[in-house]
Amino acid sequence: MQKFHIKKNDAVVVISGAHKGKSGKVLEILPAKQRAVVEGVAMIKRHLKKSQENPQGKIAEREGSVQISNLMLQSRFDASKRAKKPTEAAKS
């Protein structure tokens, strides 16, 4: 089994890709695909047929998966140079 730098319930930031800059909590790790499902990131729409639960049918939105290499722990991100830190000119 592979070991990853993030685990379930960690706060992470997306550092590259289409969802760069977004952050959220890891809901699930998919080790076979080296991907993670992050809360509020990579939202996809799923068309659901009519059923007893959804008599009209509906378009449900849920989280897709993000490549694990595109994620960084929130704590490490805040401590790194990547996080936008206020400059001296912006303070005055």
C-alpha atoms as a PDB file:
ATOM      1  CA  MET A   1       0.000   0.000   0.000  1.00  0.00           C
ATOM      2  CA  GLN A   2       1.243   3.462  -0.901  1.00  0.00           C
ATOM      3  CA  LYS A   3       1.809   6.216   1.628  1.00  0.00           C
ATOM      4  CA  PHE A   4       0.691   9.725   0.726  1.00  0.00           C
ATOM      5  CA  HIS A   5       1.523  13.126   2.218  1.00  0.00           C
ATOM      6  CA  ILE A   6      -2.165  13.771   2.974  1.00  0.00           C
ATOM      7  CA  LYS A   7      -4.842  11.729   4.674  1.00  0.00           C
ATOM      8  CA  LYS A   8      -8.592  11.844   5.286  1.00  0.00           C
ATOM      9  CA  ASN A   9      -9.867  14.938   7.171  1.00  0.00           C
ATOM     10  CA  ASP A  10      -6.700  16.991   6.446  1.00  0.00           C
ATOM     11  CA  ALA A  11      -7.127  20.622   5.366  1.00  0.00           C
ATOM     12  CA  VAL A  12      -5.486  21.018   1.946  1.00  0.00           C
ATOM     13  CA  VAL A  13      -4.911  23.632  -0.767  1.00  0.00           C
ATOM     14  CA  VAL A  14      -4.856  22.927  -4.516  1.00  0.00           C
ATOM     15  CA  ILE A  15      -1.486  24.217  -5.761  1.00  0.00           C
ATOM     16  CA  SER A  16      -1.834  23.544  -9.496  1.00  0.00           C
ATOM     17  CA  GLY A  17      -4.377  22.720 -12.149  1.00  0.00           C
ATOM     18  CA  ALA A  18      -7.807  24.095 -12.976  1.00  0.00           C
ATOM     19  CA  HIS A  19      -8.788  24.452  -9.297  1.00  0.00           C
ATOM     20  CA  LYS A  20      -5.601  26.223  -8.155  1.00  0.00           C
ATOM     21  CA  GLY A  21      -6.018  28.244  -4.961  1.00  0.00           C
ATOM     22  CA  LYS A  22      -9.114  26.453  -3.691  1.00  0.00           C
ATOM     23  CA  SER A  23      -8.982  24.751  -0.316  1.00  0.00           C
ATOM     24  CA  GLY A  24     -11.053  22.257   1.629  1.00  0.00           C
ATOM     25  CA  LYS A  25     -11.088  19.112   3.740  1.00  0.00           C
ATOM     26  CA  VAL A  26     -10.123  15.720   2.287  1.00  0.00           C
ATOM     27  CA  LEU A  27     -13.235  13.529   2.233  1.00  0.00           C
ATOM     28  CA  GLU A  28     -11.734  10.413   0.631  1.00  0.00           C
ATOM     29  CA  ILE A  29      -8.433   9.074  -0.719  1.00  0.00           C
ATOM     30  CA  LEU A  30      -8.460   6.904  -3.869  1.00  0.00           C
ATOM     31  CA  PRO A  31      -5.053   5.163  -3.684  1.00  0.00           C
ATOM     32  CA  ALA A  32      -5.491   3.041  -6.820  1.00  0.00           C
ATOM     33  CA  LYS A  33      -5.864   6.197  -8.940  1.00  0.00           C
ATOM     34  CA  GLN A  34      -3.620   8.431  -6.764  1.00  0.00           C
ATOM     35  CA  ARG A  35      -6.471  10.903  -6.360  1.00  0.00           C
ATOM     36  CA  ALA A  36      -8.348  12.548  -3.501  1.00  0.00           C
ATOM     37  CA  VAL A  37     -11.871  13.921  -3.114  1.00  0.00           C
ATOM     38  CA  VAL A  38     -11.750  17.389  -1.522  1.00  0.00           C
ATOM     39  CA  GLU A  39     -14.776  19.185  -0.090  1.00  0.00           C
ATOM     40  CA  GLY A  40     -15.971  21.993  -2.398  1.00  0.00           C
ATOM     41  CA  VAL A  41     -13.283  21.418  -5.059  1.00  0.00           C
ATOM     42  CA  ALA A  42     -13.730  19.997  -8.593  1.00  0.00           C
ATOM     43  CA  MET A  43     -17.528  20.026  -8.451  1.00  0.00           C
ATOM     44  CA  ILE A  44     -19.194  17.877 -11.122  1.00  0.00           C
ATOM     45  CA  LYS A  45     -22.837  17.597 -12.146  1.00  0.00           C
ATOM     46  CA  ARG A  46     -24.519  14.190 -12.111  1.00  0.00           C
ATOM     47  CA  HIS A  47     -27.832  13.696 -13.934  1.00  0.00           C
ATOM     48  CA  LEU A  48     -30.159  11.446 -11.906  1.00  0.00           C
ATOM     49  CA  LYS A  49     -33.092   9.548 -13.405  1.00  0.00           C
ATOM     50  CA  LYS A  50     -36.586   9.740 -12.004  1.00  0.00           C
ATOM     51  CA  SER A  51     -36.971   7.486  -8.959  1.00  0.00           C
ATOM     52  CA  GLN A  52     -38.915   7.309  -5.704  1.00  0.00           C
ATOM     53  CA  GLU A  53     -36.283   9.493  -4.041  1.00  0.00           C
ATOM     54  CA  ASN A  54     -36.293  11.991  -6.943  1.00  0.00           C
ATOM     55  CA  PRO A  55     -39.754  11.914  -8.565  1.00  0.00           C
ATOM     56  CA  GLN A  56     -38.801  14.682 -11.014  1.00  0.00           C
ATOM     57  CA  GLY A  57     -35.219  13.535 -11.493  1.00  0.00           C
ATOM     58  CA  LYS A  58     -32.522  16.130 -10.875  1.00  0.00           C
ATOM     59  CA  ILE A  59     -29.040  17.359 -11.598  1.00  0.00           C
ATOM     60  CA  ALA A  60     -26.978  16.771  -8.470  1.00  0.00           C
ATOM     61  CA  GLU A  61     -23.659  18.479  -7.834  1.00  0.00           C
ATOM     62  CA  ARG A  62     -20.914  16.582  -6.024  1.00  0.00           C
ATOM     63  CA  GLU A  63     -17.157  16.623  -5.605  1.00  0.00           C
ATOM     64  CA  GLY A  64     -14.913  15.090  -8.221  1.00  0.00           C
ATOM     65  CA  SER A  65     -11.378  13.912  -7.542  1.00  0.00           C
ATOM     66  CA  VAL A  66      -8.083  15.812  -7.723  1.00  0.00           C
ATOM     67  CA  GLN A  67      -4.616  14.369  -8.365  1.00  0.00           C
ATOM     68  CA  ILE A  68      -2.799  14.008  -5.017  1.00  0.00           C
ATOM     69  CA  SER A  69       0.345  15.644  -6.416  1.00  0.00           C
ATOM     70  CA  ASN A  70      -1.683  18.856  -6.910  1.00  0.00           C
ATOM     71  CA  LEU A  71      -2.527  19.103  -3.192  1.00  0.00           C
ATOM     72  CA  MET A  72      -0.569  20.569  -0.279  1.00  0.00           C
ATOM     73  CA  LEU A  73      -1.371  20.601   3.432  1.00  0.00           C
ATOM     74  CA  GLN A  74      -2.892  23.939   4.510  1.00  0.00           C
ATOM     75  CA  SER A  75      -0.358  24.341   7.338  1.00  0.00           C
ATOM     76  CA  ARG A  76       2.625  23.841   5.004  1.00  0.00           C
ATOM     77  CA  PHE A  77       1.059  26.159   2.412  1.00  0.00           C
ATOM     78  CA  ASP A  78       0.611  28.966   4.956  1.00  0.00           C
ATOM     79  CA  ALA A  79       4.249  28.611   6.061  1.00  0.00           C
ATOM     80  CA  SER A  80       5.588  28.580   2.477  1.00  0.00           C
ATOM     81  CA  LYS A  81       6.385  31.410   0.079  1.00  0.00           C
ATOM     82  CA  ARG A  82       3.360  30.424  -2.058  1.00  0.00           C
ATOM     83  CA  ALA A  83       0.879  31.951   0.392  1.00  0.00           C
ATOM     84  CA  LYS A  84       0.174  35.615  -0.287  1.00  0.00           C
ATOM     85  CA  LYS A  85       1.702  37.507   2.640  1.00  0.00           C
ATOM     86  CA  PRO A  86       0.921  41.197   3.168  1.00  0.00           C
ATOM     87  CA  THR A  87       3.779  43.446   2.076  1.00  0.00           C
ATOM     88  CA  GLU A  88       5.044  46.563   3.871  1.00  0.00           C
ATOM     89  CA  ALA A  89       3.525  48.840   1.195  1.00  0.00           C
ATOM     90  CA  ALA A  90       0.084  47.269   1.607  1.00  0.00           C
ATOM     91  CA  LYS A  91       0.130  47.790   5.399  1.00  0.00           C
ATOM     92  CA  SER A  92       0.561  51.588   5.216  1.00  0.00           C
END
